Protein backbone atom coordinates (compact mmCIF):
# COMPACT_ATOMS: atom_id res chain seq x y z
CA UNK A 1 140.80 75.61 116.70
CA UNK A 2 137.27 77.02 116.80
CA UNK A 3 135.68 78.11 120.13
CA UNK A 4 132.26 76.96 121.08
CA UNK A 5 130.15 79.77 122.11
CA UNK A 6 128.31 78.91 125.27
CA UNK A 7 124.86 79.85 126.36
CA UNK A 8 124.25 81.56 129.46
CA UNK A 9 123.32 79.49 132.45
CA UNK A 10 119.98 80.62 132.98
CA UNK A 11 118.38 82.23 129.77
CA UNK A 12 114.81 81.70 131.45
CA UNK A 13 115.84 84.05 134.24
CA UNK A 14 114.91 87.16 132.37
CA UNK A 15 111.67 85.78 130.43
CA UNK A 16 108.50 86.50 132.03
CA UNK A 17 105.76 83.96 132.44
CA UNK A 18 104.22 83.00 128.86
CA UNK A 19 106.82 84.55 126.98
CA UNK A 20 107.89 82.40 123.98
CA UNK A 21 110.31 84.89 122.02
CA UNK A 22 112.64 87.52 123.57
CA UNK A 23 115.06 89.86 121.72
CA UNK A 24 117.25 91.69 124.15
CA UNK A 25 119.76 94.86 122.72
CA UNK A 26 119.90 93.19 119.19
CA UNK A 27 121.74 95.22 116.83
CA UNK A 28 122.42 94.01 113.35
CA UNK A 29 124.36 96.21 110.80
CA UNK A 30 125.21 95.69 107.02
CA UNK A 31 128.33 97.61 106.60
CA UNK A 32 127.95 101.13 107.59
CA UNK A 33 124.00 100.95 107.72
CA UNK A 34 122.44 99.89 111.15
CA UNK A 35 119.30 97.81 110.37
CA UNK A 36 118.39 97.14 114.11
CA UNK A 37 119.59 99.44 116.67
CA UNK A 38 119.60 98.03 120.09
CA UNK A 39 116.00 96.24 119.91
CA UNK A 40 114.31 94.99 122.60
CA UNK A 41 110.82 93.27 122.31
CA UNK A 42 109.10 90.10 123.22
CA UNK A 43 106.17 87.84 122.20
CA UNK A 44 103.90 85.93 124.40
CA UNK A 45 103.19 82.44 123.34
CA UNK A 46 99.93 81.98 121.26
CA UNK A 47 99.98 85.87 120.40
CA UNK A 48 99.66 87.11 116.81
CA UNK A 49 102.16 90.28 116.58
CA UNK A 50 102.31 92.09 113.36
CA UNK A 51 105.37 94.36 112.52
CA UNK A 52 104.65 97.42 110.46
CA UNK A 53 106.64 100.39 109.00
CA UNK A 54 108.51 101.37 105.77
CA UNK A 55 110.84 99.27 103.69
CA UNK A 56 113.94 99.05 105.09
CA UNK A 57 113.32 99.60 108.73
CA UNK A 58 114.27 96.27 109.87
CA UNK A 59 111.30 94.32 110.12
CA UNK A 60 112.21 91.31 107.85
CA UNK A 61 115.53 91.25 109.34
CA UNK A 62 113.85 90.13 112.70
CA UNK A 63 112.61 87.11 111.10
CA UNK A 64 115.74 86.43 109.41
CA UNK A 65 117.54 86.51 112.70
CA UNK A 66 114.94 84.07 114.27
CA UNK A 67 115.46 81.60 111.30
CA UNK A 68 119.20 81.84 111.81
CA UNK A 69 119.63 83.16 108.29
CA UNK A 70 121.77 85.90 109.44
CA UNK A 71 123.29 86.56 113.11
CA UNK A 72 122.80 89.94 115.05
CA UNK A 73 126.09 91.77 115.80
CA UNK A 74 125.22 92.36 119.37
CA UNK A 75 122.59 91.01 121.77
CA UNK A 76 120.97 87.98 122.68
CA UNK A 77 117.81 86.10 121.24
CA UNK A 78 115.65 83.48 123.20
CA UNK A 79 112.86 81.31 122.20
CA UNK A 80 110.79 79.08 124.67
CA UNK A 81 113.44 79.63 127.16
CA UNK A 82 116.39 78.50 125.26
CA UNK A 83 119.04 81.00 123.72
CA UNK A 84 118.86 80.94 119.88
CA UNK A 85 121.90 83.46 119.69
CA UNK A 86 124.53 83.07 121.11
CA UNK A 87 124.49 79.26 121.29
CA UNK A 88 126.28 76.33 120.33
CA UNK A 89 125.15 74.96 116.97
CA UNK A 90 123.73 71.77 118.19
CA UNK A 91 121.31 74.06 120.33
CA UNK A 92 120.68 76.32 117.45
CA UNK A 93 119.54 73.56 115.34
CA UNK A 94 117.12 72.21 118.06
CA UNK A 95 115.56 75.73 119.06
CA UNK A 96 115.37 76.53 115.21
CA UNK A 97 112.91 73.29 114.62
CA UNK A 98 110.40 75.20 116.67
CA UNK A 99 110.22 78.03 114.02
CA UNK A 100 108.53 77.74 110.85
CA UNK A 101 108.74 80.59 108.15
CA UNK A 102 106.66 81.38 104.87
CA UNK A 103 108.70 83.65 102.87
CA UNK A 104 107.55 86.00 99.77
CA UNK A 105 108.81 83.71 97.34
CA UNK A 106 107.32 80.49 97.50
CA UNK A 107 110.63 78.23 97.26
CA UNK A 108 108.97 74.85 96.48
CA UNK A 109 111.00 72.10 94.87
CA UNK A 110 109.82 72.16 91.21
CA UNK A 111 110.62 68.32 90.63
CA UNK A 112 108.46 67.37 93.81
CA UNK A 113 104.68 66.89 94.04
CA UNK A 114 102.90 69.30 96.57
CA UNK A 115 102.58 66.17 98.90
CA UNK A 116 106.35 65.60 99.04
CA UNK A 117 107.09 69.08 99.34
CA UNK A 118 105.20 69.13 102.49
CA UNK A 119 106.89 65.59 103.67
CA UNK A 120 110.35 66.20 102.90
CA UNK A 121 111.43 68.16 105.90
CA UNK A 122 109.54 66.27 108.48
CA UNK A 123 110.85 63.16 107.08
CA UNK A 124 114.48 64.09 106.92
CA UNK A 125 114.81 66.67 109.80
CA UNK A 126 112.39 65.34 112.25
CA UNK A 127 112.81 61.57 111.46
CA UNK A 128 108.84 61.25 111.09
CA UNK A 129 108.06 57.99 109.30
CA UNK A 130 106.87 58.59 106.06
CA UNK A 131 103.25 57.30 106.35
CA UNK A 132 102.68 59.58 109.23
CA UNK A 133 104.26 62.56 107.25
CA UNK A 134 102.09 61.77 104.18
CA UNK A 135 98.63 61.62 106.45
CA UNK A 136 99.82 65.04 108.21
CA UNK A 137 100.22 66.46 104.86
CA UNK A 138 97.04 65.46 103.39
CA UNK A 139 95.36 67.12 106.51
CA UNK A 140 97.33 70.37 105.82
CA UNK A 141 96.56 70.31 102.09
CA UNK A 142 92.95 70.08 103.22
CA UNK A 143 93.39 72.65 105.60
CA UNK A 144 94.53 75.11 103.06
CA UNK A 145 92.06 74.13 100.49
CA UNK A 146 94.03 72.16 98.32
CA UNK A 147 93.05 68.39 99.14
CA UNK A 148 93.00 67.65 95.31
CA UNK A 149 96.42 68.79 94.53
CA UNK A 150 98.41 66.30 96.49
CA UNK A 151 100.15 65.14 93.23
CA UNK A 152 100.42 68.41 91.55
CA UNK A 153 104.03 69.90 90.78
CA UNK A 154 104.43 73.50 91.60
CA UNK A 155 104.21 74.45 87.69
CA UNK A 156 100.71 73.03 87.70
CA UNK A 157 99.84 75.55 90.47
CA UNK A 158 98.82 79.13 90.70
CA UNK A 159 100.94 81.49 92.65
CA UNK A 160 98.29 81.68 95.12
CA UNK A 161 98.05 77.62 95.43
CA UNK A 162 101.86 77.54 95.57
CA UNK A 163 102.00 80.08 98.56
CA UNK A 164 98.96 77.84 100.36
CA UNK A 165 101.54 74.66 99.83
CA UNK A 166 104.17 76.57 101.38
CA UNK A 167 102.15 77.42 104.49
CA UNK A 168 101.17 73.77 104.94
CA UNK A 169 104.88 72.91 104.52
CA UNK A 170 105.73 75.35 107.40
CA UNK A 171 103.03 73.88 109.36
CA UNK A 172 104.19 70.27 108.86
CA UNK A 173 106.89 70.75 111.28
CA UNK A 174 104.71 71.37 113.96
CA UNK A 175 106.49 74.89 115.03
CA UNK A 176 105.55 76.70 117.78
CA UNK A 177 106.15 80.05 116.16
CA UNK A 178 105.27 80.73 112.30
CA UNK A 179 106.86 83.75 110.52
CA UNK A 180 105.26 85.38 107.84
CA UNK A 181 107.16 87.48 105.58
CA UNK A 182 105.08 89.67 103.19
CA UNK A 183 103.55 86.35 101.99
CA UNK A 184 101.30 88.16 99.37
CA UNK A 185 103.63 90.43 97.94
CA UNK A 186 104.43 88.20 94.95
CA UNK A 187 100.99 87.12 94.19
CA UNK A 188 98.60 88.85 91.53
CA UNK A 189 95.87 90.88 93.32
CA UNK A 190 93.11 88.61 92.81
CA UNK A 191 95.13 85.74 94.73
CA UNK A 192 95.87 87.63 97.80
CA UNK A 193 92.36 87.23 99.57
CA UNK A 194 92.75 83.22 99.38
CA UNK A 195 95.82 83.11 100.82
CA UNK A 196 94.85 85.62 103.76
CA UNK A 197 91.71 83.65 104.35
CA UNK A 198 93.92 80.73 105.01
CA UNK A 199 96.17 82.50 107.27
CA UNK A 200 93.03 83.78 109.25
CA UNK A 201 91.80 80.55 109.69
CA UNK A 202 95.11 79.36 111.29
CA UNK A 203 95.19 82.28 113.56
CA UNK A 204 91.71 81.60 114.71
CA UNK A 205 91.89 77.66 115.03
CA UNK A 206 95.45 77.04 116.33
CA UNK A 207 97.59 78.29 119.05
CA UNK A 208 100.75 78.82 116.92
CA UNK A 209 102.48 81.94 117.93
CA UNK A 210 102.58 84.34 114.62
CA UNK A 211 104.88 87.05 113.88
CA UNK A 212 103.92 88.88 110.62
CA UNK A 213 105.41 91.22 108.35
CA UNK A 214 102.71 92.88 106.07
CA UNK A 215 101.59 95.76 104.22
CA UNK A 216 98.14 94.25 104.18
CA UNK A 217 96.80 96.51 107.02
CA UNK A 218 93.25 95.27 107.07
CA UNK A 219 94.95 91.57 107.51
CA UNK A 220 97.26 92.82 110.32
CA UNK A 221 93.85 94.75 112.05
CA UNK A 222 91.96 91.51 111.57
CA UNK A 223 94.76 88.77 113.09
CA UNK A 224 96.85 90.67 115.38
CA UNK A 225 96.99 90.85 119.27
CA UNK A 226 99.69 93.48 119.12
CA UNK A 227 100.97 95.55 116.31
CA UNK A 228 104.63 97.32 116.32
CA UNK A 229 105.50 100.12 114.38
CA UNK A 230 109.26 100.16 113.20
CA UNK A 231 111.32 103.31 111.94
CA UNK A 232 114.99 103.14 111.46
CA UNK A 233 115.48 99.95 113.40
CA UNK A 234 113.50 100.84 116.33
CA UNK A 235 110.13 100.33 117.70
CA UNK A 236 108.47 103.81 118.01
CA UNK A 237 105.20 102.72 118.85
CA UNK A 238 103.27 99.39 120.04
CA UNK A 239 99.81 98.60 120.91
CA UNK A 240 96.57 96.55 120.03
CA UNK A 241 95.60 97.21 116.49
CA UNK A 242 92.44 99.34 117.32
CA UNK A 243 94.97 101.68 118.92
CA UNK A 244 97.46 101.97 116.31
CA UNK A 245 95.12 101.80 113.32
CA UNK A 246 92.51 104.26 114.84
CA UNK A 247 94.48 106.60 117.26
CA UNK A 248 98.40 106.19 116.88
CA UNK A 249 100.22 108.37 119.19
CA UNK A 250 103.31 108.96 116.98
CA UNK A 251 103.22 111.56 113.84
CA UNK A 252 105.50 109.02 112.01
CA UNK A 253 102.96 106.20 112.68
CA UNK A 254 100.10 108.52 111.33
CA UNK A 255 102.18 109.57 108.41
CA UNK A 256 103.00 105.93 107.47
CA UNK A 257 99.61 104.58 107.75
CA UNK A 258 98.14 107.72 105.62
CA UNK A 259 100.48 106.23 103.07
CA UNK A 260 99.07 102.60 103.06
CA UNK A 261 95.59 102.63 104.06
């Protein structure tokens, strides 16, 4: 017989006003490798936070935890005052609806048009009427510059166009939080700028909270309210982009930035 994990009675007690995401004492191990080491940080609603640091420092693991693709070994994760972990499965599903993610790989359904790729989750997960979902999808395709590609299948689109459809698909769920995991890493260099321009527009024109993992430092400087520097599963430095990129306090941050800028 399985025992259902109960959430704490008042998960909002420790949350500051305006906080949307909070990770407390979060530890994640893969075998003997500790990827996140008693991590604590929070993100305010409407803010754009970028995670930087070397590969393997735990950045993508944070996004995977928020997407419930993996679970922490220790600690708590709270989103909009509701615990995501530990929590009963029903609560996890409800909290998870508030979170959208754009992955490195586009992961579009190859047998579906761009329009249906975007409408599938709102209709099946949110129960949105098909007509409403399609109207929303057309608006989003227009937003990402693909209004004329509604009927195109992924194989008929460039990599940059597929990633823009993936961005529209994430936005179709009307998430409060948008997670971006190295969204340009699989693109040819000449396609990167178009995708980043779309994300800049979203950052400027919506109130969506964004948590971004990227090696595109100019993009991070442009859109971020706060930058977190990770190393070995810990945040070693944080601050506004002008401080982190122009006057980093830590030698490790300066070393990392000198290698990627």
